[in-house]
PDB file of N, CA and C in Angstrom:
ATOM      1  N   MET A   1     118.113  95.253 117.904  1.00  0.00           N
ATOM      2  CA  MET A   1     117.340  96.416 118.311  1.00  0.00           C
ATOM      3  C   MET A   1     117.224  96.462 119.834  1.00  0.00           C
ATOM      4  N   SER A   2     117.098  97.626 120.341  1.00  0.00           N
ATOM      5  CA  SER A   2     116.973  97.841 121.777  1.00  0.00           C
ATOM      6  C   SER A   2     115.651  97.297 122.306  1.00  0.00           C
ATOM      7  N   LYS A   3     115.641  96.986 123.591  1.00  0.00           N
ATOM      8  CA  LYS A   3     114.409  96.551 124.228  1.00  0.00           C
ATOM      9  C   LYS A   3     113.404  97.683 124.308  1.00  0.00           C
ATOM     10  N   GLU A   4     113.869  98.914 124.178  1.00  0.00           N
ATOM     11  CA  GLU A   4     112.979 100.061 124.274  1.00  0.00           C
ATOM     12  C   GLU A   4     112.607 100.627 122.918  1.00  0.00           C
ATOM     13  N   THR A   5     112.592  99.796 121.916  1.00  0.00           N
ATOM     14  CA  THR A   5     112.076 100.218 120.617  1.00  0.00           C
ATOM     15  C   THR A   5     111.307  99.054 119.998  1.00  0.00           C
ATOM     16  N   PRO A   6     110.174  99.363 119.399  1.00  0.00           N
ATOM     17  CA  PRO A   6     109.416  98.326 118.711  1.00  0.00           C
ATOM     18  C   PRO A   6     109.862  98.154 117.268  1.00  0.00           C
ATOM     19  N   CYS A   7     110.827  98.942 116.837  1.00  0.00           N
ATOM     20  CA  CYS A   7     111.264  98.931 115.446  1.00  0.00           C
ATOM     21  C   CYS A   7     111.792  97.549 115.053  1.00  0.00           C
ATOM     22  N   ILE A   8     111.282  97.077 113.912  1.00  0.00           N
ATOM     23  CA  ILE A   8     111.764  95.802 113.368  1.00  0.00           C
ATOM     24  C   ILE A   8     112.354  96.003 111.973  1.00  0.00           C
ATOM     25  N   ALA A   9     112.669  97.268 111.649  1.00  0.00           N
ATOM     26  CA  ALA A   9     113.282  97.646 110.375  1.00  0.00           C
ATOM     27  C   ALA A   9     112.381  97.364 109.183  1.00  0.00           C
ATOM     28  N   VAL A  10     111.079  97.449 109.384  1.00  0.00           N
ATOM     29  CA  VAL A  10     110.090  97.419 108.305  1.00  0.00           C
ATOM     30  C   VAL A  10     109.425  98.789 108.366  1.00  0.00           C
ATOM     31  N   CYS A  11     110.054  99.756 107.761  1.00  0.00           N
ATOM     32  CA  CYS A  11     109.673 101.156 107.960  1.00  0.00           C
ATOM     33  C   CYS A  11     108.888 101.687 106.759  1.00  0.00           C
ATOM     34  N   MET A  12     107.594 101.423 106.788  1.00  0.00           N
ATOM     35  CA  MET A  12     106.690 101.924 105.758  1.00  0.00           C
ATOM     36  C   MET A  12     105.398 102.339 106.449  1.00  0.00           C
ATOM     37  N   ILE A  13     104.890 103.506 106.071  1.00  0.00           N
ATOM     38  CA  ILE A  13     103.672 104.015 106.675  1.00  0.00           C
ATOM     39  C   ILE A  13     102.471 103.585 105.835  1.00  0.00           C
ATOM     40  N   ASP A  14     101.477 103.021 106.511  1.00  0.00           N
ATOM     41  CA  ASP A  14     100.226 102.633 105.862  1.00  0.00           C
ATOM     42  C   ASP A  14      99.433 103.910 105.592  1.00  0.00           C
ATOM     43  N   PRO A  15      99.114 104.220 104.331  1.00  0.00           N
ATOM     44  CA  PRO A  15      98.420 105.473 104.036  1.00  0.00           C
ATOM     45  C   PRO A  15      96.994 105.520 104.596  1.00  0.00           C
ATOM     46  N   ARG A  16      96.396 104.384 104.839  1.00  0.00           N
ATOM     47  CA  ARG A  16      95.036 104.328 105.372  1.00  0.00           C
ATOM     48  C   ARG A  16      94.996 104.677 106.854  1.00  0.00           C
ATOM     49  N   THR A  17      95.957 104.174 107.627  1.00  0.00           N
ATOM     50  CA  THR A  17      95.937 104.346 109.082  1.00  0.00           C
ATOM     51  C   THR A  17      96.983 105.332 109.592  1.00  0.00           C
ATOM     52  N   ASN A  18      97.952 105.679 108.750  1.00  0.00           N
ATOM     53  CA  ASN A  18      99.094 106.518 109.138  1.00  0.00           C
ATOM     54  C   ASN A  18      99.937 105.869 110.225  1.00  0.00           C
ATOM     55  N   LEU A  19      99.946 104.544 110.251  1.00  0.00           N
ATOM     56  CA  LEU A  19     100.772 103.788 111.185  1.00  0.00           C
ATOM     57  C   LEU A  19     101.867 103.070 110.420  1.00  0.00           C
ATOM     58  N   CYS A  20     102.990 102.875 111.065  1.00  0.00           N
ATOM     59  CA  CYS A  20     104.069 102.092 110.467  1.00  0.00           C
ATOM     60  C   CYS A  20     103.635 100.637 110.381  1.00  0.00           C
ATOM     61  N   PHE A  21     103.792 100.032 109.205  1.00  0.00           N
ATOM     62  CA  PHE A  21     103.456  98.618 109.031  1.00  0.00           C
ATOM     63  C   PHE A  21     104.270  97.727 109.951  1.00  0.00           C
ATOM     64  N   GLY A  22     105.499  98.117 110.251  1.00  0.00           N
ATOM     65  CA  GLY A  22     106.388  97.273 111.040  1.00  0.00           C
ATOM     66  C   GLY A  22     106.162  97.343 112.539  1.00  0.00           C
ATOM     67  N   CYS A  23     105.883  98.548 113.042  1.00  0.00           N
ATOM     68  CA  CYS A  23     105.820  98.692 114.499  1.00  0.00           C
ATOM     69  C   CYS A  23     104.521  99.279 115.023  1.00  0.00           C
ATOM     70  N   GLY A  24     103.755  99.950 114.171  1.00  0.00           N
ATOM     71  CA  GLY A  24     102.491 100.520 114.613  1.00  0.00           C
ATOM     72  C   GLY A  24     102.574 101.930 115.149  1.00  0.00           C
ATOM     73  N   ARG A  25     103.776 102.512 115.138  1.00  0.00           N
ATOM     74  CA  ARG A  25     103.902 103.887 115.615  1.00  0.00           C
ATOM     75  C   ARG A  25     103.478 104.875 114.524  1.00  0.00           C
ATOM     76  N   THR A  26     103.110 106.075 114.962  1.00  0.00           N
ATOM     77  CA  THR A  26     102.817 107.150 114.030  1.00  0.00           C
ATOM     78  C   THR A  26     104.116 107.874 113.679  1.00  0.00           C
ATOM     79  N   LEU A  27     104.087 108.669 112.621  1.00  0.00           N
ATOM     80  CA  LEU A  27     105.289 109.437 112.268  1.00  0.00           C
ATOM     81  C   LEU A  27     105.711 110.378 113.387  1.00  0.00           C
ATOM     82  N   PRO A  28     104.778 111.097 114.046  1.00  0.00           N
ATOM     83  CA  PRO A  28     105.227 111.947 115.156  1.00  0.00           C
ATOM     84  C   PRO A  28     105.891 111.146 116.287  1.00  0.00           C
ATOM     85  N   GLU A  29     105.379 109.957 116.578  1.00  0.00           N
ATOM     86  CA  GLU A  29     106.006 109.123 117.612  1.00  0.00           C
ATOM     87  C   GLU A  29     107.405 108.694 117.193  1.00  0.00           C
ATOM     88  N   ILE A  30     107.536 108.302 115.942  1.00  0.00           N
ATOM     89  CA  ILE A  30     108.844 107.882 115.435  1.00  0.00           C
ATOM     90  C   ILE A  30     109.819 109.060 115.486  1.00  0.00           C
ATOM     91  N   ALA A  31     109.358 110.233 115.085  1.00  0.00           N
ATOM     92  CA  ALA A  31     110.232 111.413 115.037  1.00  0.00           C
ATOM     93  C   ALA A  31     110.734 111.825 116.412  1.00  0.00           C
ATOM     94  N   ARG A  32     109.920 111.677 117.435  1.00  0.00           N
ATOM     95  CA  ARG A  32     110.379 112.124 118.754  1.00  0.00           C
ATOM     96  C   ARG A  32     110.800 110.975 119.669  1.00  0.00           C
ATOM     97  N   TRP A  33     110.887 109.786 119.138  1.00  0.00           N
ATOM     98  CA  TRP A  33     111.235 108.608 119.937  1.00  0.00           C
ATOM     99  C   TRP A  33     112.514 108.806 120.734  1.00  0.00           C
ATOM    100  N   HIS A  34     113.537 109.348 120.103  1.00  0.00           N
ATOM    101  CA  HIS A  34     114.830 109.526 120.783  1.00  0.00           C
ATOM    102  C   HIS A  34     114.768 110.576 121.890  1.00  0.00           C
ATOM    103  N   ARG A  35     113.725 111.412 121.879  1.00  0.00           N
ATOM    104  CA  ARG A  35     113.585 112.418 122.933  1.00  0.00           C
ATOM    105  C   ARG A  35     112.657 111.969 124.058  1.00  0.00           C
ATOM    106  N   MET A  36     111.968 110.839 123.874  1.00  0.00           N
ATOM    107  CA  MET A  36     111.082 110.321 124.922  1.00  0.00           C
ATOM    108  C   MET A  36     111.915 109.695 126.029  1.00  0.00           C
ATOM    109  N   ASP A  37     111.409 109.774 127.260  1.00  0.00           N
ATOM    110  CA  ASP A  37     112.088 109.048 128.326  1.00  0.00           C
ATOM    111  C   ASP A  37     111.609 107.593 128.304  1.00  0.00           C
ATOM    112  N   SER A  38     112.252 106.778 129.064  1.00  0.00           N
ATOM    113  CA  SER A  38     111.977 105.339 129.071  1.00  0.00           C
ATOM    114  C   SER A  38     110.514 105.037 129.378  1.00  0.00           C
ATOM    115  N   ALA A  39     109.935 105.710 130.353  1.00  0.00           N
ATOM    116  CA  ALA A  39     108.546 105.454 130.732  1.00  0.00           C
ATOM    117  C   ALA A  39     107.588 105.781 129.594  1.00  0.00           C
ATOM    118  N   GLU A  40     107.845 106.864 128.875  1.00  0.00           N
ATOM    119  CA  GLU A  40     106.976 107.233 127.759  1.00  0.00           C
ATOM    120  C   GLU A  40     107.098 106.223 126.618  1.00  0.00           C
ATOM    121  N   ARG A  41     108.319 105.793 126.333  1.00  0.00           N
ATOM    122  CA  ARG A  41     108.508 104.767 125.290  1.00  0.00           C
ATOM    123  C   ARG A  41     107.762 103.492 125.631  1.00  0.00           C
ATOM    124  N   LEU A  42     107.913 103.049 126.870  1.00  0.00           N
ATOM    125  CA  LEU A  42     107.247 101.810 127.283  1.00  0.00           C
ATOM    126  C   LEU A  42     105.734 101.954 127.245  1.00  0.00           C
ATOM    127  N   ALA A  43     105.218 103.143 127.578  1.00  0.00           N
ATOM    128  CA  ALA A  43     103.772 103.371 127.522  1.00  0.00           C
ATOM    129  C   ALA A  43     103.267 103.280 126.083  1.00  0.00           C
ATOM    130  N   VAL A  44     103.991 103.881 125.148  1.00  0.00           N
ATOM    131  CA  VAL A  44     103.601 103.796 123.735  1.00  0.00           C
ATOM    132  C   VAL A  44     103.673 102.346 123.270  1.00  0.00           C
ATOM    133  N   MET A  45     104.756 101.661 123.638  1.00  0.00           N
ATOM    134  CA  MET A  45     104.919 100.266 123.208  1.00  0.00           C
ATOM    135  C   MET A  45     103.787  99.377 123.719  1.00  0.00           C
ATOM    136  N   ALA A  46     103.261  99.679 124.893  1.00  0.00           N
ATOM    137  CA  ALA A  46     102.166  98.881 125.445  1.00  0.00           C
ATOM    138  C   ALA A  46     100.898  99.033 124.614  1.00  0.00           C
ATOM    139  N   LEU A  47     100.745 100.153 123.927  1.00  0.00           N
ATOM    140  CA  LEU A  47      99.560 100.404 123.104  1.00  0.00           C
ATOM    141  C   LEU A  47      99.633  99.768 121.722  1.00  0.00           C
ATOM    142  N   LEU A  48     100.821  99.466 121.262  1.00  0.00           N
ATOM    143  CA  LEU A  48     101.012  99.075 119.870  1.00  0.00           C
ATOM    144  C   LEU A  48     100.290  97.799 119.449  1.00  0.00           C
ATOM    145  N   PRO A  49     100.303  96.719 120.219  1.00  0.00           N
ATOM    146  CA  PRO A  49      99.598  95.512 119.748  1.00  0.00           C
ATOM    147  C   PRO A  49      98.105  95.752 119.504  1.00  0.00           C
ATOM    148  N   ALA A  50      97.431  96.434 120.415  1.00  0.00           N
ATOM    149  CA  ALA A  50      96.005  96.712 120.238  1.00  0.00           C
ATOM    150  C   ALA A  50      95.785  97.676 119.070  1.00  0.00           C
ATOM    151  N   ARG A  51      96.670  98.661 118.941  1.00  0.00           N
ATOM    152  CA  ARG A  51      96.575  99.625 117.844  1.00  0.00           C
ATOM    153  C   ARG A  51      96.703  98.921 116.502  1.00  0.00           C
ATOM    154  N   MET A  52      97.668  98.028 116.398  1.00  0.00           N
ATOM    155  CA  MET A  52      97.867  97.281 115.150  1.00  0.00           C
ATOM    156  C   MET A  52      96.669  96.390 114.858  1.00  0.00           C
ATOM    157  N   ASP A  53      96.158  95.734 115.891  1.00  0.00           N
ATOM    158  CA  ASP A  53      95.006  94.851 115.726  1.00  0.00           C
ATOM    159  C   ASP A  53      93.792  95.647 115.263  1.00  0.00           C
ATOM    160  N   GLU A  54      93.534  96.758 115.908  1.00  0.00           N
ATOM    161  CA  GLU A  54      92.387  97.599 115.565  1.00  0.00           C
ATOM    162  C   GLU A  54      92.486  98.123 114.132  1.00  0.00           C
ATOM    163  N   ALA A  55      93.694  98.410 113.689  1.00  0.00           N
ATOM    164  CA  ALA A  55      93.918  98.923 112.343  1.00  0.00           C
ATOM    165  C   ALA A  55      93.913  97.814 111.295  1.00  0.00           C
ATOM    166  N   GLY A  56      93.899  96.560 111.743  1.00  0.00           N
ATOM    167  CA  GLY A  56      93.939  95.439 110.801  1.00  0.00           C
ATOM    168  C   GLY A  56      95.314  95.181 110.235  1.00  0.00           C
ATOM    169  N   LEU A  57      96.328  95.692 110.907  1.00  0.00           N
ATOM    170  CA  LEU A  57      97.707  95.460 110.474  1.00  0.00           C
ATOM    171  C   LEU A  57      98.271  94.301 111.270  1.00  0.00           C
ATOM    172  N   VAL A  58      99.047  93.474 110.606  1.00  0.00           N
ATOM    173  CA  VAL A  58      99.607  92.295 111.256  1.00  0.00           C
ATOM    174  C   VAL A  58     101.111  92.468 111.357  1.00  0.00           C
ATOM    175  N   LEU A  59     101.640  92.273 112.566  1.00  0.00           N
ATOM    176  CA  LEU A  59     103.087  92.300 112.713  1.00  0.00           C
ATOM    177  C   LEU A  59     103.697  91.202 111.857  1.00  0.00           C
ATOM    178  N   PRO A  60     104.795  91.465 111.151  1.00  0.00           N
ATOM    179  CA  PRO A  60     105.399  90.444 110.292  1.00  0.00           C
ATOM    180  C   PRO A  60     105.655  89.132 111.012  1.00  0.00           C
ATOM    181  N   ALA A  61     106.049  89.161 112.265  1.00  0.00           N
ATOM    182  CA  ALA A  61     106.290  87.916 113.017  1.00  0.00           C
ATOM    183  C   ALA A  61     104.990  87.142 113.195  1.00  0.00           C
ATOM    184  N   GLU A  62     103.878  87.844 113.378  1.00  0.00           N
ATOM    185  CA  GLU A  62     102.572  87.191 113.542  1.00  0.00           C
ATOM    186  C   GLU A  62     102.115  86.571 112.230  1.00  0.00           C
ATOM    187  N   ALA A  63     102.388  87.242 111.119  1.00  0.00           N
ATOM    188  CA  ALA A  63     101.960  86.757 109.813  1.00  0.00           C
ATOM    189  C   ALA A  63     102.650  85.437 109.472  1.00  0.00           C
ATOM    190  N   ALA A  64     103.843  85.211 109.986  1.00  0.00           N
ATOM    191  CA  ALA A  64     104.606  83.995 109.686  1.00  0.00           C
ATOM    192  C   ALA A  64     104.149  82.797 110.501  1.00  0.00           C
ATOM    193  N   LYS A  65     103.398  83.023 111.563  1.00  0.00           N
ATOM    194  CA  LYS A  65     102.951  81.922 112.427  1.00  0.00           C
ATOM    195  C   LYS A  65     101.861  81.109 111.724  1.00  0.00           C
ATOM    196  N   PRO A  66     101.907  79.780 111.848  1.00  0.00           N
ATOM    197  CA  PRO A  66     100.853  78.953 111.263  1.00  0.00           C
ATOM    198  C   PRO A  66      99.532  79.194 112.013  1.00  0.00           C
ATOM    199  N   LYS A  67      98.447  79.186 111.262  1.00  0.00           N
ATOM    200  CA  LYS A  67      97.130  79.389 111.865  1.00  0.00           C
ATOM    201  C   LYS A  67      96.620  78.093 112.448  1.00  0.00           C
ATOM    202  N   ALA A  68      95.967  78.195 113.606  1.00  0.00           N
ATOM    203  CA  ALA A  68      95.387  77.006 114.268  1.00  0.00           C
ATOM    204  C   ALA A  68      94.137  76.578 113.514  1.00  0.00           C
ATOM    205  N   GLY A  69      93.875  75.286 113.532  1.00  0.00           N
ATOM    206  CA  GLY A  69      92.619  74.825 112.955  1.00  0.00           C
ATOM    207  C   GLY A  69      92.807  74.049 111.783  1.00  0.00           C
TER     208      GLY A  69
END
């Protein structure tokens, strides 16, 4: 995958939050991603970790990490 996409090929929308389980983008963001310029893509990508955290969604890579303690 490109450095300018958060897509991890886990493309399912959470019906509760309307966010993609894999990347945290909304359907409108996904639909216009190819029309965004680089700066807009990077700005959206910067929001995704906090958005996923706030929604209670865990990135698949994070879920695989062992928990401390």
